[in-house]
Structures are given as C-alpha cells and as structure tokens.
Amino acid sequence: MIFITAKFRIRPEDADRWPEIAEDFTRATRAEPGCLWFDWSRSLDDPTEYVLVEAFRDGDAGAEHVRSEHFATARRTLPPHLTATPRIVNAEVPGVDWSELGEMAVDG
C-alpha cells in the first residue's frame, strides 16, 4: 500500500473550521475504490496544525487519486486557508491494513 502522512498549517482564523473546509475533499477521497483510509487529526501542541494520515491500495490507486477532479479542486480551494506548503512523508509499505502494536497489547 501507499502510506502517506501530511502536516497542514492552517490560518488561525480557519483552524476551527478546517474539517468543514476540507469536508468535500475528504468525503470524495474516502469514496475512491483504492482509498484504504483518509483521516484527519488535530495537533495537541499546535491548534493550527492538522495531520492527515491516508493510505491507498497501491501506486495505481494513489495515481488515480492525484488525477481525480476532487484533488484538482482541492489544489485550488484549500491553499488559501494554509500558512505554508504542507509537508509530507510518502512510503510504500507491505500490507493493506494497520498492524497491532504488540508492545502495548491489550488482554481481554
């Protein structure tokens, strides 16, 4: 799978509304057949930073995502709400789901 983590710095006046601002892009991406997950989290240390954790079935699914109309729309509509270019880590990893963190196994 293609595993991607990206950090988005949001303008302070837009930070509380970011989930709403990114809602159409999020919904459309999650509906892609090759999308395994597409999840936003807000930083505990910086309320203007959101972290996106996403995964796609394979490189072809990732390429389809980048070529999609909703990605093109997001490229136009999301940057005005940002204070900096998002930073990204993109890696191909084995599997198609999360693995368990054995060091913190929960009995029961």
Protein backbone atom coordinates (compact mmCIF):
# COMPACT_ATOMS: atom_id res chain seq x y z
CA MET A 1 0.00 0.00 0.00
CA ILE A 2 0.96 3.64 -0.34
CA PHE A 3 1.04 5.20 3.14
CA ILE A 4 1.06 8.99 3.39
CA THR A 5 1.23 11.36 6.32
CA ALA A 6 1.00 15.10 5.70
CA LYS A 7 1.07 18.10 8.03
CA PHE A 8 -1.07 21.10 7.17
CA ARG A 9 -0.57 24.52 8.78
CA ILE A 10 -3.93 26.28 8.76
CA ARG A 11 -4.55 30.03 9.04
CA PRO A 12 -5.57 30.70 12.67
CA GLU A 13 -8.91 32.17 11.62
CA ASP A 14 -9.73 28.96 9.70
CA ALA A 15 -8.31 26.34 12.06
CA ASP A 16 -11.53 25.55 13.94
CA ARG A 17 -13.41 25.22 10.64
CA TRP A 18 -10.79 23.10 8.82
CA PRO A 19 -12.81 19.84 8.98
CA GLU A 20 -15.71 21.68 7.33
CA ILE A 21 -13.42 23.39 4.79
CA ALA A 22 -11.87 20.04 3.77
CA GLU A 23 -15.13 18.07 4.01
CA ASP A 24 -15.89 17.69 0.29
CA PHE A 25 -12.32 16.63 -0.48
CA THR A 26 -12.32 14.20 2.45
CA ARG A 27 -15.65 12.63 1.51
CA ALA A 28 -14.74 12.26 -2.17
CA THR A 29 -11.34 10.76 -1.38
CA ARG A 30 -12.81 8.25 1.08
CA ALA A 31 -15.23 7.15 -1.67
CA GLU A 32 -12.40 6.25 -4.06
CA PRO A 33 -12.22 2.46 -4.57
CA GLY A 34 -8.47 2.43 -3.90
CA CYS A 35 -8.57 4.52 -0.72
CA LEU A 36 -7.95 2.45 2.41
CA TRP A 37 -8.28 5.37 4.83
CA PHE A 38 -8.12 9.16 4.89
CA ASP A 39 -8.14 10.53 8.43
CA TRP A 40 -7.52 13.99 9.86
CA SER A 41 -6.22 14.71 13.36
CA ARG A 42 -5.52 18.00 15.07
CA SER A 43 -2.19 18.57 16.79
CA LEU A 44 -2.28 18.68 20.59
CA ASP A 45 0.66 21.10 20.57
CA ASP A 46 -0.41 23.50 17.82
CA PRO A 47 -4.13 24.12 17.21
CA THR A 48 -3.37 25.43 13.71
CA GLU A 49 -1.77 22.16 12.59
CA TYR A 50 -3.73 19.22 11.20
CA VAL A 51 -2.18 15.86 10.35
CA LEU A 52 -3.60 13.78 7.53
CA VAL A 53 -2.98 10.03 7.58
CA GLU A 54 -4.00 8.35 4.35
CA ALA A 55 -3.41 5.10 2.53
CA PHE A 56 -4.14 3.78 -0.93
CA ARG A 57 -4.27 0.18 -2.12
CA ASP A 58 -1.24 0.62 -4.40
CA GLY A 59 0.58 3.09 -6.60
CA ASP A 60 -2.13 2.97 -9.26
CA ALA A 61 -4.78 3.92 -6.69
CA GLY A 62 -2.57 6.76 -5.45
CA ALA A 63 -2.09 7.99 -9.01
CA GLU A 64 -5.87 7.87 -9.63
CA HIS A 65 -6.34 9.98 -6.51
CA VAL A 66 -3.92 12.64 -7.74
CA ARG A 67 -5.62 12.69 -11.16
CA SER A 68 -9.14 12.99 -9.70
CA GLU A 69 -11.33 16.03 -10.16
CA HIS A 70 -11.73 16.45 -6.40
CA PHE A 71 -7.94 16.54 -6.00
CA ALA A 72 -7.74 19.25 -8.68
CA THR A 73 -10.47 21.18 -6.88
CA ALA A 74 -8.67 20.83 -3.54
CA ARG A 75 -5.47 22.17 -5.11
CA ARG A 76 -7.40 25.36 -5.89
CA THR A 77 -9.62 25.69 -2.82
CA LEU A 78 -7.51 24.52 0.14
CA PRO A 79 -4.24 26.52 -0.19
CA PRO A 80 -5.90 29.89 0.56
CA HIS A 81 -6.57 28.52 4.07
CA LEU A 82 -2.94 27.46 4.63
CA THR A 83 0.02 29.40 6.02
CA ALA A 84 2.65 27.12 4.47
CA THR A 85 3.05 24.35 1.92
CA PRO A 86 2.05 21.05 3.55
CA ARG A 87 4.88 18.68 4.50
CA ILE A 88 4.56 15.02 3.55
CA VAL A 89 6.01 11.57 4.11
CA ASN A 90 5.05 9.10 1.37
CA ALA A 91 6.12 5.45 1.52
CA GLU A 92 5.20 2.13 0.00
CA VAL A 93 4.71 -0.45 2.74
CA PRO A 94 3.57 -4.08 2.75
CA GLY A 95 0.00 -4.96 3.68
CA VAL A 96 -3.35 -3.23 3.34
CA ASP A 97 -4.25 -2.51 6.98
CA TRP A 98 -2.85 -1.39 10.31
CA SER A 99 -0.75 -3.88 12.29
CA GLU A 100 -1.11 -4.35 16.02
CA LEU A 101 1.32 -2.61 18.35
CA GLY A 102 2.39 -5.75 20.19
CA GLU A 103 4.34 -3.85 22.83
CA MET A 104 1.04 -2.43 24.08
CA ALA A 105 -1.14 -5.49 23.64
CA VAL A 106 -4.46 -5.38 25.47
CA ASP A 107 -5.59 -8.62 27.09
CA GLY A 108 -9.20 -9.45 27.11
